[in-house]
Amino acid sequence: MAHSLVGMILGALISLQEVRSAHEYRPLTQALVARMNRLGEAFRAVVFAQIRIAVLNTLFTALYLGVALPIASVHLPLVKTMVVLTFITGLLPVVGNLISNTVVVVVSLSHSLAIASASLVFLLVVHKFEYFMNARIVGTRIHAHAWEILLSMLIMEAAFGIQGVIAAPIYYAYIKKELSECGMI
């Protein structure tokens, strides 16, 4: 978690850095700055996509907790807190969902095992749907097909675990841009 947080902060700082004129740099520095700019662009694209995904996930969770459950005469405590927590943790890819889903299931368990089970099923469905939406939203931002993002997430997860899943869209966007600039794709 700490590495992911530091990486996200570092990426934000790089992506928001003001760029000096390219003629002020020597060749190696120019090449490094160009790569840093591409990485910053990839990071911005993925972060803005993640914000959209967090909003979408929060909307589904709010509808479930604030509309669907009350219609079924189930009134859970801390609904507003769970919705806010879903948005805030949803800004962290994958891990954020695990955190907010755990909270929702535990609070649902305070009502009954059946409600906790229903919440778990609902959240699993939303979480799986979010994988595809994530790929679609991120793919649109970086000009990639959903299957490309999903494949990169799968490969990076196999290689690096949960950190790989989190970093996959950023690295994929960067590598794709880099290869495109070189005329290789």
N, C-alpha and C. Protein backbone atom coordinates (compact mmCIF):
# COMPACT_ATOMS: atom_id res chain seq x y z
N MET A 1 0.83 -1.19 0.00
CA MET A 1 0.00 0.00 0.00
C MET A 1 0.87 1.25 0.00
N ALA A 2 1.92 1.24 0.81
CA ALA A 2 2.79 2.42 0.90
C ALA A 2 3.47 2.68 -0.44
N HIS A 3 3.97 1.61 -1.08
CA HIS A 3 4.61 1.78 -2.39
C HIS A 3 3.63 2.33 -3.42
N SER A 4 2.41 1.81 -3.39
CA SER A 4 1.39 2.29 -4.33
C SER A 4 1.08 3.75 -4.08
N LEU A 5 0.94 4.13 -2.82
CA LEU A 5 0.64 5.52 -2.47
C LEU A 5 1.78 6.44 -2.88
N VAL A 6 3.01 6.05 -2.57
CA VAL A 6 4.17 6.87 -2.94
C VAL A 6 4.27 6.97 -4.46
N GLY A 7 4.02 5.86 -5.17
CA GLY A 7 4.05 5.87 -6.63
C GLY A 7 3.00 6.80 -7.21
N MET A 8 1.80 6.79 -6.63
CA MET A 8 0.74 7.68 -7.12
C MET A 8 1.09 9.14 -6.85
N ILE A 9 1.67 9.43 -5.69
CA ILE A 9 2.07 10.81 -5.38
C ILE A 9 3.18 11.25 -6.32
N LEU A 10 4.16 10.38 -6.54
CA LEU A 10 5.25 10.69 -7.46
C LEU A 10 4.73 10.92 -8.87
N GLY A 11 3.83 10.07 -9.31
CA GLY A 11 3.23 10.23 -10.63
C GLY A 11 2.48 11.54 -10.76
N ALA A 12 1.75 11.92 -9.70
CA ALA A 12 1.02 13.19 -9.72
C ALA A 12 1.98 14.36 -9.79
N LEU A 13 3.06 14.30 -9.02
CA LEU A 13 4.04 15.39 -9.06
C LEU A 13 4.67 15.50 -10.45
N ILE A 14 5.02 14.38 -11.05
CA ILE A 14 5.63 14.40 -12.38
C ILE A 14 4.63 14.93 -13.41
N SER A 15 3.39 14.46 -13.31
CA SER A 15 2.40 14.86 -14.32
C SER A 15 2.02 16.33 -14.21
N LEU A 16 2.20 16.94 -13.06
CA LEU A 16 1.85 18.34 -12.88
C LEU A 16 3.04 19.28 -13.00
N GLN A 17 4.22 18.72 -13.26
CA GLN A 17 5.44 19.51 -13.36
C GLN A 17 5.40 20.39 -14.60
N GLU A 18 5.86 21.63 -14.44
CA GLU A 18 5.94 22.53 -15.59
C GLU A 18 7.13 22.11 -16.44
N VAL A 19 6.95 22.13 -17.74
CA VAL A 19 7.98 21.68 -18.66
C VAL A 19 8.72 22.90 -19.21
N ARG A 20 10.06 22.83 -19.13
CA ARG A 20 10.87 23.89 -19.72
C ARG A 20 11.01 23.65 -21.21
N SER A 21 11.44 24.63 -21.90
CA SER A 21 11.65 24.52 -23.34
C SER A 21 12.68 23.43 -23.64
N ALA A 22 12.45 22.63 -24.67
CA ALA A 22 13.32 21.50 -25.00
C ALA A 22 14.71 21.95 -25.43
N HIS A 23 14.85 23.14 -25.96
CA HIS A 23 16.16 23.58 -26.42
C HIS A 23 17.10 23.93 -25.27
N GLU A 24 16.59 24.01 -24.04
CA GLU A 24 17.43 24.29 -22.88
C GLU A 24 18.15 23.05 -22.37
N TYR A 25 17.80 21.88 -22.87
CA TYR A 25 18.35 20.63 -22.37
C TYR A 25 19.38 20.05 -23.35
N ARG A 26 20.26 19.26 -22.79
CA ARG A 26 21.20 18.50 -23.62
C ARG A 26 20.50 17.22 -24.06
N PRO A 27 21.08 16.48 -25.02
CA PRO A 27 20.37 15.33 -25.61
C PRO A 27 19.85 14.28 -24.62
N LEU A 28 20.67 13.86 -23.67
CA LEU A 28 20.21 12.85 -22.71
C LEU A 28 19.06 13.39 -21.88
N THR A 29 19.20 14.62 -21.42
CA THR A 29 18.14 15.22 -20.62
C THR A 29 16.87 15.38 -21.44
N GLN A 30 17.01 15.76 -22.72
CA GLN A 30 15.84 15.87 -23.59
C GLN A 30 15.12 14.54 -23.71
N ALA A 31 15.89 13.46 -23.89
CA ALA A 31 15.27 12.13 -24.01
C ALA A 31 14.57 11.74 -22.72
N LEU A 32 15.22 12.00 -21.58
CA LEU A 32 14.61 11.66 -20.29
C LEU A 32 13.36 12.50 -20.02
N VAL A 33 13.42 13.78 -20.35
CA VAL A 33 12.26 14.65 -20.14
C VAL A 33 11.10 14.20 -21.04
N ALA A 34 11.42 13.82 -22.28
CA ALA A 34 10.37 13.33 -23.20
C ALA A 34 9.71 12.09 -22.62
N ARG A 35 10.50 11.17 -22.07
CA ARG A 35 9.92 9.96 -21.48
C ARG A 35 9.13 10.29 -20.23
N MET A 36 9.63 11.23 -19.42
CA MET A 36 8.91 11.62 -18.21
C MET A 36 7.57 12.26 -18.59
N ASN A 37 7.58 13.08 -19.64
CA ASN A 37 6.33 13.70 -20.10
C ASN A 37 5.34 12.65 -20.57
N ARG A 38 5.81 11.64 -21.29
CA ARG A 38 4.91 10.57 -21.75
C ARG A 38 4.36 9.79 -20.56
N LEU A 39 5.22 9.52 -19.58
CA LEU A 39 4.76 8.82 -18.38
C LEU A 39 3.75 9.69 -17.63
N GLY A 40 3.99 10.99 -17.57
CA GLY A 40 3.05 11.91 -16.93
C GLY A 40 1.71 11.94 -17.64
N GLU A 41 1.74 11.93 -18.98
CA GLU A 41 0.50 11.90 -19.76
C GLU A 41 -0.27 10.61 -19.49
N ALA A 42 0.45 9.49 -19.45
CA ALA A 42 -0.20 8.20 -19.17
C ALA A 42 -0.80 8.21 -17.78
N PHE A 43 -0.06 8.73 -16.81
CA PHE A 43 -0.55 8.77 -15.44
C PHE A 43 -1.81 9.63 -15.34
N ARG A 44 -1.79 10.83 -15.97
CA ARG A 44 -2.97 11.69 -15.95
C ARG A 44 -4.18 11.01 -16.56
N ALA A 45 -3.97 10.35 -17.70
CA ALA A 45 -5.08 9.68 -18.37
C ALA A 45 -5.69 8.61 -17.48
N VAL A 46 -4.84 7.82 -16.83
CA VAL A 46 -5.32 6.72 -15.99
C VAL A 46 -5.96 7.26 -14.72
N VAL A 47 -5.38 8.30 -14.12
CA VAL A 47 -5.94 8.86 -12.89
C VAL A 47 -7.33 9.46 -13.15
N PHE A 48 -7.47 10.21 -14.24
CA PHE A 48 -8.79 10.78 -14.54
C PHE A 48 -9.80 9.68 -14.85
N ALA A 49 -9.35 8.62 -15.49
CA ALA A 49 -10.23 7.49 -15.74
C ALA A 49 -10.62 6.83 -14.41
N GLN A 50 -9.66 6.72 -13.48
CA GLN A 50 -9.93 6.10 -12.18
C GLN A 50 -10.94 6.93 -11.39
N ILE A 51 -10.91 8.23 -11.54
CA ILE A 51 -11.89 9.08 -10.87
C ILE A 51 -13.29 8.76 -11.41
N ARG A 52 -13.40 8.62 -12.72
CA ARG A 52 -14.70 8.25 -13.30
C ARG A 52 -15.17 6.89 -12.79
N ILE A 53 -14.25 5.96 -12.69
CA ILE A 53 -14.59 4.62 -12.21
C ILE A 53 -15.03 4.68 -10.75
N ALA A 54 -14.33 5.49 -9.94
CA ALA A 54 -14.70 5.64 -8.52
C ALA A 54 -16.11 6.23 -8.40
N VAL A 55 -16.43 7.20 -9.26
CA VAL A 55 -17.77 7.80 -9.24
C VAL A 55 -18.82 6.76 -9.62
N LEU A 56 -18.55 5.99 -10.66
CA LEU A 56 -19.48 4.95 -11.10
C LEU A 56 -19.69 3.89 -10.01
N ASN A 57 -18.61 3.44 -9.41
CA ASN A 57 -18.69 2.45 -8.34
C ASN A 57 -19.46 3.02 -7.14
N THR A 58 -19.21 4.28 -6.81
CA THR A 58 -19.91 4.93 -5.71
C THR A 58 -21.40 5.03 -6.00
N LEU A 59 -21.73 5.36 -7.23
CA LEU A 59 -23.13 5.45 -7.63
C LEU A 59 -23.85 4.12 -7.45
N PHE A 60 -23.23 3.03 -7.93
CA PHE A 60 -23.85 1.71 -7.77
C PHE A 60 -23.99 1.34 -6.29
N THR A 61 -22.96 1.62 -5.51
CA THR A 61 -23.01 1.30 -4.08
C THR A 61 -24.09 2.14 -3.38
N ALA A 62 -24.17 3.41 -3.73
CA ALA A 62 -25.20 4.28 -3.13
C ALA A 62 -26.60 3.80 -3.49
N LEU A 63 -26.80 3.38 -4.73
CA LEU A 63 -28.11 2.85 -5.14
C LEU A 63 -28.45 1.58 -4.37
N TYR A 64 -27.46 0.72 -4.17
CA TYR A 64 -27.69 -0.52 -3.44
C TYR A 64 -28.01 -0.23 -1.97
N LEU A 65 -27.13 0.57 -1.32
CA LEU A 65 -27.29 0.82 0.11
C LEU A 65 -28.43 1.77 0.42
N GLY A 66 -28.64 2.78 -0.43
CA GLY A 66 -29.62 3.81 -0.13
C GLY A 66 -30.98 3.62 -0.77
N VAL A 67 -31.07 2.73 -1.78
CA VAL A 67 -32.35 2.54 -2.46
C VAL A 67 -32.80 1.09 -2.39
N ALA A 68 -31.98 0.18 -2.89
CA ALA A 68 -32.39 -1.23 -2.99
C ALA A 68 -32.64 -1.86 -1.61
N LEU A 69 -31.70 -1.66 -0.69
CA LEU A 69 -31.89 -2.26 0.64
C LEU A 69 -33.08 -1.64 1.38
N PRO A 70 -33.25 -0.32 1.39
CA PRO A 70 -34.45 0.24 2.06
C PRO A 70 -35.76 -0.22 1.43
N ILE A 71 -35.78 -0.43 0.11
CA ILE A 71 -36.99 -0.96 -0.53
C ILE A 71 -37.30 -2.34 0.03
N ALA A 72 -36.25 -3.11 0.35
CA ALA A 72 -36.41 -4.44 0.94
C ALA A 72 -36.55 -4.36 2.46
N SER A 73 -36.82 -3.18 2.99
CA SER A 73 -36.99 -2.95 4.44
C SER A 73 -35.73 -3.27 5.24
N VAL A 74 -34.57 -3.05 4.64
CA VAL A 74 -33.30 -3.23 5.34
C VAL A 74 -32.65 -1.86 5.45
N HIS A 75 -32.44 -1.44 6.68
CA HIS A 75 -31.84 -0.13 6.92
C HIS A 75 -30.53 -0.33 7.67
N LEU A 76 -29.44 -0.23 6.93
CA LEU A 76 -28.12 -0.41 7.53
C LEU A 76 -27.65 0.90 8.15
N PRO A 77 -26.86 0.81 9.22
CA PRO A 77 -26.27 2.03 9.78
C PRO A 77 -25.10 2.50 8.91
N LEU A 78 -24.73 3.74 9.04
CA LEU A 78 -23.54 4.31 8.39
C LEU A 78 -23.57 4.29 6.86
N VAL A 79 -24.74 4.36 6.26
CA VAL A 79 -24.85 4.29 4.80
C VAL A 79 -24.07 5.43 4.14
N LYS A 80 -24.25 6.66 4.63
CA LYS A 80 -23.55 7.81 4.03
C LYS A 80 -22.04 7.66 4.17
N THR A 81 -21.61 7.19 5.33
CA THR A 81 -20.18 6.98 5.55
C THR A 81 -19.63 5.94 4.60
N MET A 82 -20.37 4.86 4.38
CA MET A 82 -19.91 3.81 3.47
C MET A 82 -19.85 4.31 2.04
N VAL A 83 -20.79 5.17 1.66
CA VAL A 83 -20.78 5.72 0.30
C VAL A 83 -19.56 6.63 0.11
N VAL A 84 -19.29 7.48 1.08
CA VAL A 84 -18.11 8.36 1.00
C VAL A 84 -16.83 7.52 0.99
N LEU A 85 -16.77 6.52 1.85
CA LEU A 85 -15.61 5.63 1.90
C LEU A 85 -15.42 4.91 0.57
N THR A 86 -16.51 4.52 -0.07
CA THR A 86 -16.43 3.85 -1.37
C THR A 86 -15.79 4.76 -2.40
N PHE A 87 -16.16 6.04 -2.39
CA PHE A 87 -15.55 6.96 -3.36
C PHE A 87 -14.07 7.18 -3.06
N ILE A 88 -13.75 7.47 -1.81
CA ILE A 88 -12.36 7.78 -1.46
C ILE A 88 -11.45 6.58 -1.72
N THR A 89 -11.86 5.40 -1.27
CA THR A 89 -11.01 4.23 -1.50
C THR A 89 -11.06 3.79 -2.96
N GLY A 90 -12.13 4.15 -3.66
CA GLY A 90 -12.25 3.80 -5.07
C GLY A 90 -11.22 4.50 -5.94
N LEU A 91 -10.58 5.54 -5.42
CA LEU A 91 -9.53 6.21 -6.16
C LEU A 91 -8.27 5.36 -6.24
N LEU A 92 -8.18 4.36 -5.37
CA LEU A 92 -7.09 3.38 -5.46
C LEU A 92 -7.59 2.19 -6.28
N PRO A 93 -7.00 1.93 -7.42
CA PRO A 93 -7.48 0.81 -8.24
C PRO A 93 -7.40 -0.51 -7.48
N VAL A 94 -8.38 -1.35 -7.63
CA VAL A 94 -8.50 -2.71 -7.09
C VAL A 94 -8.49 -2.74 -5.56
N VAL A 95 -7.45 -2.25 -4.93
CA VAL A 95 -7.32 -2.30 -3.47
C VAL A 95 -8.45 -1.50 -2.81
N GLY A 96 -8.80 -0.37 -3.40
CA GLY A 96 -9.86 0.46 -2.85
C GLY A 96 -11.18 -0.27 -2.79
N ASN A 97 -11.47 -1.04 -3.84
CA ASN A 97 -12.70 -1.82 -3.84
C ASN A 97 -12.70 -2.87 -2.75
N LEU A 98 -11.58 -3.50 -2.55
CA LEU A 98 -11.49 -4.52 -1.50
C LEU A 98 -11.76 -3.91 -0.14
N ILE A 99 -11.22 -2.73 0.10
CA ILE A 99 -11.43 -2.06 1.39
C ILE A 99 -12.90 -1.70 1.58
N SER A 100 -13.47 -1.01 0.59
CA SER A 100 -14.87 -0.57 0.75
C SER A 100 -15.82 -1.76 0.77
N ASN A 101 -15.55 -2.79 -0.02
CA ASN A 101 -16.41 -3.97 -0.01
C ASN A 101 -16.38 -4.66 1.34
N THR A 102 -15.21 -4.73 1.95
CA THR A 102 -15.08 -5.36 3.26
C THR A 102 -15.92 -4.60 4.29
N VAL A 103 -15.85 -3.28 4.26
CA VAL A 103 -16.63 -2.47 5.20
C VAL A 103 -18.12 -2.70 5.00
N VAL A 104 -18.58 -2.68 3.74
CA VAL A 104 -20.01 -2.87 3.46
C VAL A 104 -20.48 -4.25 3.94
N VAL A 105 -19.69 -5.28 3.68
CA VAL A 105 -20.08 -6.63 4.10
C VAL A 105 -20.10 -6.75 5.62
N VAL A 106 -19.12 -6.17 6.29
CA VAL A 106 -19.08 -6.24 7.76
C VAL A 106 -20.27 -5.50 8.37
N VAL A 107 -20.57 -4.33 7.84
CA VAL A 107 -21.74 -3.58 8.34
C VAL A 107 -23.03 -4.34 8.03
N SER A 108 -23.10 -4.95 6.86
CA SER A 108 -24.27 -5.76 6.50
C SER A 108 -24.41 -6.96 7.42
N LEU A 109 -23.28 -7.49 7.85
CA LEU A 109 -23.29 -8.64 8.77
C LEU A 109 -23.91 -8.25 10.11
N SER A 110 -23.83 -6.97 10.47
CA SER A 110 -24.46 -6.53 11.72
C SER A 110 -25.98 -6.64 11.64
N HIS A 111 -26.52 -6.66 10.42
CA HIS A 111 -27.97 -6.82 10.25
C HIS A 111 -28.35 -8.29 10.22
N SER A 112 -27.73 -9.04 9.30
CA SER A 112 -27.96 -10.48 9.23
C SER A 112 -26.98 -11.11 8.25
N LEU A 113 -26.85 -12.43 8.37
CA LEU A 113 -25.97 -13.17 7.46
C LEU A 113 -26.52 -13.14 6.04
N ALA A 114 -27.82 -13.16 5.88
CA ALA A 114 -28.44 -13.12 4.55
C ALA A 114 -28.15 -11.79 3.86
N ILE A 115 -28.23 -10.68 4.59
CA ILE A 115 -27.96 -9.37 4.01
C ILE A 115 -26.48 -9.25 3.69
N ALA A 116 -25.62 -9.78 4.55
CA ALA A 116 -24.18 -9.77 4.28
C ALA A 116 -23.87 -10.57 3.03
N SER A 117 -24.53 -11.71 2.86
CA SER A 117 -24.33 -12.53 1.66
C SER A 117 -24.83 -11.81 0.41
N ALA A 118 -25.98 -11.18 0.52
CA ALA A 118 -26.52 -10.42 -0.62
C ALA A 118 -25.59 -9.26 -0.98
N SER A 119 -25.06 -8.59 0.04
CA SER A 119 -24.13 -7.49 -0.20
C SER A 119 -22.86 -7.99 -0.87
N LEU A 120 -22.37 -9.13 -0.41
CA LEU A 120 -21.16 -9.70 -1.00
C LEU A 120 -21.38 -10.05 -2.46
N VAL A 121 -22.49 -10.66 -2.77
CA VAL A 121 -22.80 -11.02 -4.16
C VAL A 121 -22.92 -9.75 -5.01
N PHE A 122 -23.66 -8.77 -4.50
CA PHE A 122 -23.80 -7.51 -5.24
C PHE A 122 -22.45 -6.87 -5.49
N LEU A 123 -21.62 -6.79 -4.47
CA LEU A 123 -20.32 -6.14 -4.61
C LEU A 123 -19.39 -6.91 -5.54
N LEU A 124 -19.47 -8.24 -5.52
CA LEU A 124 -18.66 -9.03 -6.45
C LEU A 124 -19.08 -8.78 -7.90
N VAL A 125 -20.38 -8.70 -8.12
CA VAL A 125 -20.87 -8.42 -9.47
C VAL A 125 -20.42 -7.03 -9.92
N VAL A 126 -20.57 -6.04 -9.05
CA VAL A 126 -20.15 -4.68 -9.38
C VAL A 126 -18.64 -4.63 -9.61
N HIS A 127 -17.88 -5.35 -8.78
CA HIS A 127 -16.42 -5.36 -8.90
C HIS A 127 -15.99 -5.98 -10.23
N LYS A 128 -16.61 -7.07 -10.63
CA LYS A 128 -16.28 -7.70 -11.92
C LYS A 128 -16.70 -6.80 -13.07
N PHE A 129 -17.85 -6.16 -12.94
CA PHE A 129 -18.31 -5.21 -13.95
C PHE A 129 -17.32 -4.05 -14.04
N GLU A 130 -16.79 -3.64 -12.89
CA GLU A 130 -15.84 -2.52 -12.87
C GLU A 130 -14.56 -2.87 -13.62
N TYR A 131 -14.12 -4.12 -13.58
CA TYR A 131 -12.93 -4.51 -14.35
C TYR A 131 -13.12 -4.17 -15.82
N PHE A 132 -14.28 -4.53 -16.35
CA PHE A 132 -14.55 -4.26 -17.76
C PHE A 132 -14.76 -2.78 -18.02
N MET A 133 -15.43 -2.09 -17.10
CA MET A 133 -15.61 -0.65 -17.24
C MET A 133 -14.26 0.07 -17.14
N ASN A 134 -13.43 -0.38 -16.22
CA ASN A 134 -12.09 0.18 -16.07
C ASN A 134 -11.33 0.06 -17.38
N ALA A 135 -11.36 -1.13 -17.96
CA ALA A 135 -10.67 -1.34 -19.23
C ALA A 135 -11.26 -0.45 -20.33
N ARG A 136 -12.55 -0.30 -20.33
CA ARG A 136 -13.22 0.52 -21.36
C ARG A 136 -12.90 2.00 -21.17
N ILE A 137 -13.02 2.49 -19.94
CA ILE A 137 -12.79 3.92 -19.67
C ILE A 137 -11.32 4.27 -19.87
N VAL A 138 -10.43 3.46 -19.28
CA VAL A 138 -9.00 3.72 -19.44
C VAL A 138 -8.60 3.56 -20.91
N GLY A 139 -9.12 2.53 -21.55
CA GLY A 139 -8.81 2.29 -22.95
C GLY A 139 -9.20 3.47 -23.83
N THR A 140 -10.33 4.07 -23.55
CA THR A 140 -10.77 5.24 -24.31
C THR A 140 -9.80 6.40 -24.11
N ARG A 141 -9.35 6.58 -22.88
CA ARG A 141 -8.44 7.70 -22.59
C ARG A 141 -7.06 7.52 -23.23
N ILE A 142 -6.60 6.27 -23.36
CA ILE A 142 -5.24 6.04 -23.89
C ILE A 142 -5.27 5.44 -25.29
N HIS A 143 -6.43 5.40 -25.92
CA HIS A 143 -6.59 4.87 -27.27
C HIS A 143 -6.18 3.40 -27.36
N ALA A 144 -6.74 2.60 -26.47
CA ALA A 144 -6.49 1.16 -26.46
C ALA A 144 -7.82 0.44 -26.34
N HIS A 145 -7.87 -0.77 -26.86
CA HIS A 145 -9.06 -1.60 -26.74
C HIS A 145 -9.14 -2.15 -25.31
N ALA A 146 -10.35 -2.46 -24.88
CA ALA A 146 -10.55 -2.99 -23.53
C ALA A 146 -9.75 -4.27 -23.31
N TRP A 147 -9.69 -5.13 -24.33
CA TRP A 147 -8.95 -6.39 -24.17
C TRP A 147 -7.46 -6.14 -23.97
N GLU A 148 -6.92 -5.06 -24.52
CA GLU A 148 -5.51 -4.75 -24.32
C GLU A 148 -5.24 -4.41 -22.85
N ILE A 149 -6.10 -3.61 -22.27
CA ILE A 149 -5.94 -3.22 -20.87
C ILE A 149 -6.12 -4.44 -19.97
N LEU A 150 -7.17 -5.24 -20.23
CA LEU A 150 -7.39 -6.44 -19.42
C LEU A 150 -6.21 -7.40 -19.52
N LEU A 151 -5.68 -7.57 -20.72
CA LEU A 151 -4.53 -8.46 -20.89
C LEU A 151 -3.31 -7.92 -20.15
N SER A 152 -3.08 -6.62 -20.23
CA SER A 152 -1.94 -6.05 -19.50
C SER A 152 -2.13 -6.21 -18.00
N MET A 153 -3.37 -6.06 -17.51
CA MET A 153 -3.63 -6.24 -16.08
C MET A 153 -3.38 -7.68 -15.66
N LEU A 154 -3.77 -8.62 -16.50
CA LEU A 154 -3.56 -10.03 -16.21
C LEU A 154 -2.07 -10.37 -16.16
N ILE A 155 -1.32 -9.89 -17.15
CA ILE A 155 0.11 -10.17 -17.22
C ILE A 155 0.84 -9.52 -16.05
N MET A 156 0.51 -8.27 -15.77
CA MET A 156 1.18 -7.57 -14.66
C MET A 156 0.81 -8.17 -13.31
N GLU A 157 -0.42 -8.68 -13.18
CA GLU A 157 -0.78 -9.34 -11.93
C GLU A 157 0.02 -10.62 -11.76
N ALA A 158 0.17 -11.37 -12.83
CA ALA A 158 0.95 -12.61 -12.75
C ALA A 158 2.41 -12.32 -12.41
N ALA A 159 2.93 -11.24 -12.94
CA ALA A 159 4.34 -10.92 -12.72
C ALA A 159 4.59 -10.22 -11.37
N PHE A 160 3.68 -9.31 -10.98
CA PHE A 160 3.97 -8.46 -9.82
C PHE A 160 2.90 -8.46 -8.74
N GLY A 161 1.86 -9.27 -8.90
CA GLY A 161 0.80 -9.32 -7.89
C GLY A 161 -0.12 -8.11 -7.99
N ILE A 162 -0.69 -7.73 -6.85
CA ILE A 162 -1.69 -6.66 -6.82
C ILE A 162 -1.10 -5.33 -7.29
N GLN A 163 0.18 -5.09 -7.01
CA GLN A 163 0.82 -3.86 -7.47
C GLN A 163 0.84 -3.81 -8.99
N GLY A 164 1.01 -4.96 -9.61
CA GLY A 164 1.01 -5.03 -11.06
C GLY A 164 -0.33 -4.66 -11.66
N VAL A 165 -1.41 -5.10 -11.01
CA VAL A 165 -2.75 -4.75 -11.50
C VAL A 165 -2.96 -3.24 -11.42
N ILE A 166 -2.51 -2.65 -10.33
CA ILE A 166 -2.67 -1.21 -10.14
C ILE A 166 -1.85 -0.43 -11.17
N ALA A 167 -0.63 -0.86 -11.42
CA ALA A 167 0.27 -0.13 -12.31
C ALA A 167 0.06 -0.46 -13.79
N ALA A 168 -0.59 -1.56 -14.09
CA ALA A 168 -0.71 -2.02 -15.48
C ALA A 168 -1.25 -0.97 -16.45
N PRO A 169 -2.37 -0.31 -16.15
CA PRO A 169 -2.88 0.67 -17.13
C PRO A 169 -1.90 1.82 -17.38
N ILE A 170 -1.21 2.26 -16.34
CA ILE A 170 -0.26 3.37 -16.51
C ILE A 170 0.91 2.93 -17.37
N TYR A 171 1.50 1.78 -17.05
CA TYR A 171 2.64 1.31 -17.82
C TYR A 171 2.24 0.94 -19.24
N TYR A 172 1.07 0.38 -19.40
CA TYR A 172 0.62 0.03 -20.75
C TYR A 172 0.43 1.29 -21.59
N ALA A 173 -0.18 2.32 -21.00
CA ALA A 173 -0.37 3.58 -21.73
C ALA A 173 0.98 4.19 -22.10
N TYR A 174 1.93 4.14 -21.18
CA TYR A 174 3.25 4.69 -21.44
C TYR A 174 3.96 3.91 -22.55
N ILE A 175 3.97 2.60 -22.44
CA ILE A 175 4.66 1.77 -23.44
C ILE A 175 4.01 1.93 -24.80
N LYS A 176 2.69 1.98 -24.84
CA LYS A 176 2.00 2.14 -26.12
C LYS A 176 2.35 3.48 -26.75
N LYS A 177 2.38 4.54 -25.95
CA LYS A 177 2.73 5.86 -26.47
C LYS A 177 4.18 5.87 -26.95
N GLU A 178 5.06 5.27 -26.19
CA GLU A 178 6.47 5.21 -26.55
C GLU A 178 6.68 4.47 -27.86
N LEU A 179 6.05 3.32 -28.01
CA LEU A 179 6.17 2.55 -29.25
C LEU A 179 5.52 3.27 -30.43
N SER A 180 4.45 3.97 -30.16
CA SER A 180 3.78 4.73 -31.22
C SER A 180 4.67 5.87 -31.71
N GLU A 181 5.32 6.57 -30.77
CA GLU A 181 6.21 7.66 -31.13
C GLU A 181 7.41 7.17 -31.94
N CYS A 182 7.84 5.94 -31.68
CA CYS A 182 8.97 5.36 -32.42
C CYS A 182 8.54 4.78 -33.76
N GLY A 183 7.24 4.77 -34.02
CA GLY A 183 6.74 4.23 -35.28
C GLY A 183 6.69 2.71 -35.32
N MET A 184 6.71 2.07 -34.17
CA MET A 184 6.70 0.62 -34.11
C MET A 184 5.30 0.04 -34.12
N ILE A 185 4.31 0.84 -33.73
CA ILE A 185 2.92 0.38 -33.77
C ILE A 185 2.05 1.46 -34.37
